Amino acid sequence: MDQPVHPLKELFEQLGLPADAEAINRFIATHSPLPENITLSNAPFWTPAQAAFLREEFLEDADWIEIIDRLNVALRAKQA
């Protein structure tokens, strides 16, 4: 399987969030599970700029989409 064009660390950097592995894991744990009826870009924890970036990249099917989808899946998983 091909690696996403951008790693998760770069997505977090693009969103202006701490991007080390511990911070990413903490973010996902804090905001999971994201309810199925809320799109990723409409999640309440994004700033307007972050939400706009996610929405635009999704609509454009840009090279960020694979890693955005990976984050979406991670946020919807139930944490143990």
C-alpha atoms as a PDB file:
ATOM      1  CA  MET A   1       0.000   0.000   0.000  1.00  0.00           C
ATOM      2  CA  ASP A   2       1.328   3.427  -0.885  1.00  0.00           C
ATOM      3  CA  GLN A   3       2.129   5.853   1.895  1.00  0.00           C
ATOM      4  CA  PRO A   4      -0.002   9.017   1.962  1.00  0.00           C
ATOM      5  CA  VAL A   5       1.570  11.980   0.212  1.00  0.00           C
ATOM      6  CA  HIS A   6       1.699  13.773   3.569  1.00  0.00           C
ATOM      7  CA  PRO A   7       2.304  12.127   6.937  1.00  0.00           C
ATOM      8  CA  LEU A   8      -0.018  12.849   9.862  1.00  0.00           C
ATOM      9  CA  LYS A   9       2.689  15.028  11.425  1.00  0.00           C
ATOM     10  CA  GLU A  10       2.581  17.376   8.420  1.00  0.00           C
ATOM     11  CA  LEU A  11      -1.204  17.607   8.579  1.00  0.00           C
ATOM     12  CA  PHE A  12      -1.022  18.635  12.221  1.00  0.00           C
ATOM     13  CA  GLU A  13       1.647  21.198  11.365  1.00  0.00           C
ATOM     14  CA  GLN A  14      -0.544  22.518   8.528  1.00  0.00           C
ATOM     15  CA  LEU A  15      -3.415  22.857  11.013  1.00  0.00           C
ATOM     16  CA  GLY A  16      -1.159  24.729  13.442  1.00  0.00           C
ATOM     17  CA  LEU A  17      -1.309  21.988  16.056  1.00  0.00           C
ATOM     18  CA  PRO A  18       1.483  20.333  18.041  1.00  0.00           C
ATOM     19  CA  ALA A  19       2.785  17.608  15.745  1.00  0.00           C
ATOM     20  CA  ASP A  20       4.909  15.257  17.814  1.00  0.00           C
ATOM     21  CA  ALA A  21       3.623  11.690  18.178  1.00  0.00           C
ATOM     22  CA  GLU A  22       2.515  12.181  21.795  1.00  0.00           C
ATOM     23  CA  ALA A  23       0.544  15.340  20.957  1.00  0.00           C
ATOM     24  CA  ILE A  24      -1.138  13.674  17.965  1.00  0.00           C
ATOM     25  CA  ASN A  25      -2.132  10.661  20.065  1.00  0.00           C
ATOM     26  CA  ARG A  26      -3.423  12.939  22.827  1.00  0.00           C
ATOM     27  CA  PHE A  27      -5.467  14.996  20.326  1.00  0.00           C
ATOM     28  CA  ILE A  28      -7.074  11.865  18.882  1.00  0.00           C
ATOM     29  CA  ALA A  29      -7.777  10.425  22.338  1.00  0.00           C
ATOM     30  CA  THR A  30      -9.260  13.722  23.556  1.00  0.00           C
ATOM     31  CA  HIS A  31     -11.591  14.178  20.584  1.00  0.00           C
ATOM     32  CA  SER A  32     -12.650  10.565  19.968  1.00  0.00           C
ATOM     33  CA  PRO A  33     -15.051   9.187  19.157  1.00  0.00           C
ATOM     34  CA  LEU A  34     -16.355  11.799  16.733  1.00  0.00           C
ATOM     35  CA  PRO A  35     -20.061  11.077  16.141  1.00  0.00           C
ATOM     36  CA  GLU A  36     -20.929   9.754  12.692  1.00  0.00           C
ATOM     37  CA  ASN A  37     -23.469  12.550  12.135  1.00  0.00           C
ATOM     38  CA  ILE A  38     -20.751  15.232  12.298  1.00  0.00           C
ATOM     39  CA  THR A  39     -18.448  15.679   9.329  1.00  0.00           C
ATOM     40  CA  LEU A  40     -14.789  16.037  10.189  1.00  0.00           C
ATOM     41  CA  SER A  41     -14.641  19.674   9.099  1.00  0.00           C
ATOM     42  CA  ASN A  42     -17.709  20.509  11.227  1.00  0.00           C
ATOM     43  CA  ALA A  43     -16.271  19.062  14.419  1.00  0.00           C
ATOM     44  CA  PRO A  44     -16.507  21.650  17.210  1.00  0.00           C
ATOM     45  CA  PHE A  45     -12.823  21.516  18.139  1.00  0.00           C
ATOM     46  CA  TRP A  46     -11.520  23.134  14.916  1.00  0.00           C
ATOM     47  CA  THR A  47     -10.912  26.831  14.503  1.00  0.00           C
ATOM     48  CA  PRO A  48     -12.692  28.393  11.519  1.00  0.00           C
ATOM     49  CA  ALA A  49      -9.413  28.379   9.560  1.00  0.00           C
ATOM     50  CA  GLN A  50      -8.729  24.712  10.343  1.00  0.00           C
ATOM     51  CA  ALA A  51     -12.279  23.734   9.369  1.00  0.00           C
ATOM     52  CA  ALA A  52     -12.004  25.697   6.108  1.00  0.00           C
ATOM     53  CA  PHE A  53      -8.721  23.966   5.246  1.00  0.00           C
ATOM     54  CA  LEU A  54     -10.195  20.515   5.852  1.00  0.00           C
ATOM     55  CA  ARG A  55     -13.353  21.333   3.879  1.00  0.00           C
ATOM     56  CA  GLU A  56     -11.429  22.828   0.930  1.00  0.00           C
ATOM     57  CA  GLU A  57      -8.967  19.969   0.723  1.00  0.00           C
ATOM     58  CA  PHE A  58     -11.817  17.456   0.803  1.00  0.00           C
ATOM     59  CA  LEU A  59     -13.784  19.263  -1.915  1.00  0.00           C
ATOM     60  CA  GLU A  60     -10.704  19.591  -4.123  1.00  0.00           C
ATOM     61  CA  ASP A  61      -9.724  15.953  -3.502  1.00  0.00           C
ATOM     62  CA  ALA A  62      -6.260  17.394  -2.963  1.00  0.00           C
ATOM     63  CA  ASP A  63      -3.132  15.477  -2.067  1.00  0.00           C
ATOM     64  CA  TRP A  64      -3.971  15.972   1.630  1.00  0.00           C
ATOM     65  CA  ILE A  65      -7.151  13.895   1.319  1.00  0.00           C
ATOM     66  CA  GLU A  66      -5.576  10.525   2.176  1.00  0.00           C
ATOM     67  CA  ILE A  67      -4.143  11.742   5.450  1.00  0.00           C
ATOM     68  CA  ILE A  68      -7.283  13.753   6.276  1.00  0.00           C
ATOM     69  CA  ASP A  69      -9.259  10.554   5.773  1.00  0.00           C
ATOM     70  CA  ARG A  70      -6.835   8.703   8.044  1.00  0.00           C
ATOM     71  CA  LEU A  71      -7.391  11.321  10.752  1.00  0.00           C
ATOM     72  CA  ASN A  72     -11.152  11.066  10.215  1.00  0.00           C
ATOM     73  CA  VAL A  73     -11.059   7.289  10.715  1.00  0.00           C
ATOM     74  CA  ALA A  74      -8.853   7.627  13.816  1.00  0.00           C
ATOM     75  CA  LEU A  75     -11.195  10.198  15.366  1.00  0.00           C
ATOM     76  CA  ARG A  76     -14.221   7.959  14.806  1.00  0.00           C
ATOM     77  CA  ALA A  77     -12.659   4.901  16.429  1.00  0.00           C
ATOM     78  CA  LYS A  78     -13.712   4.134  19.964  1.00  0.00           C
ATOM     79  CA  GLN A  79     -10.762   4.505  22.276  1.00  0.00           C
ATOM     80  CA  ALA A  80     -10.046   1.680  24.687  1.00  0.00           C
END
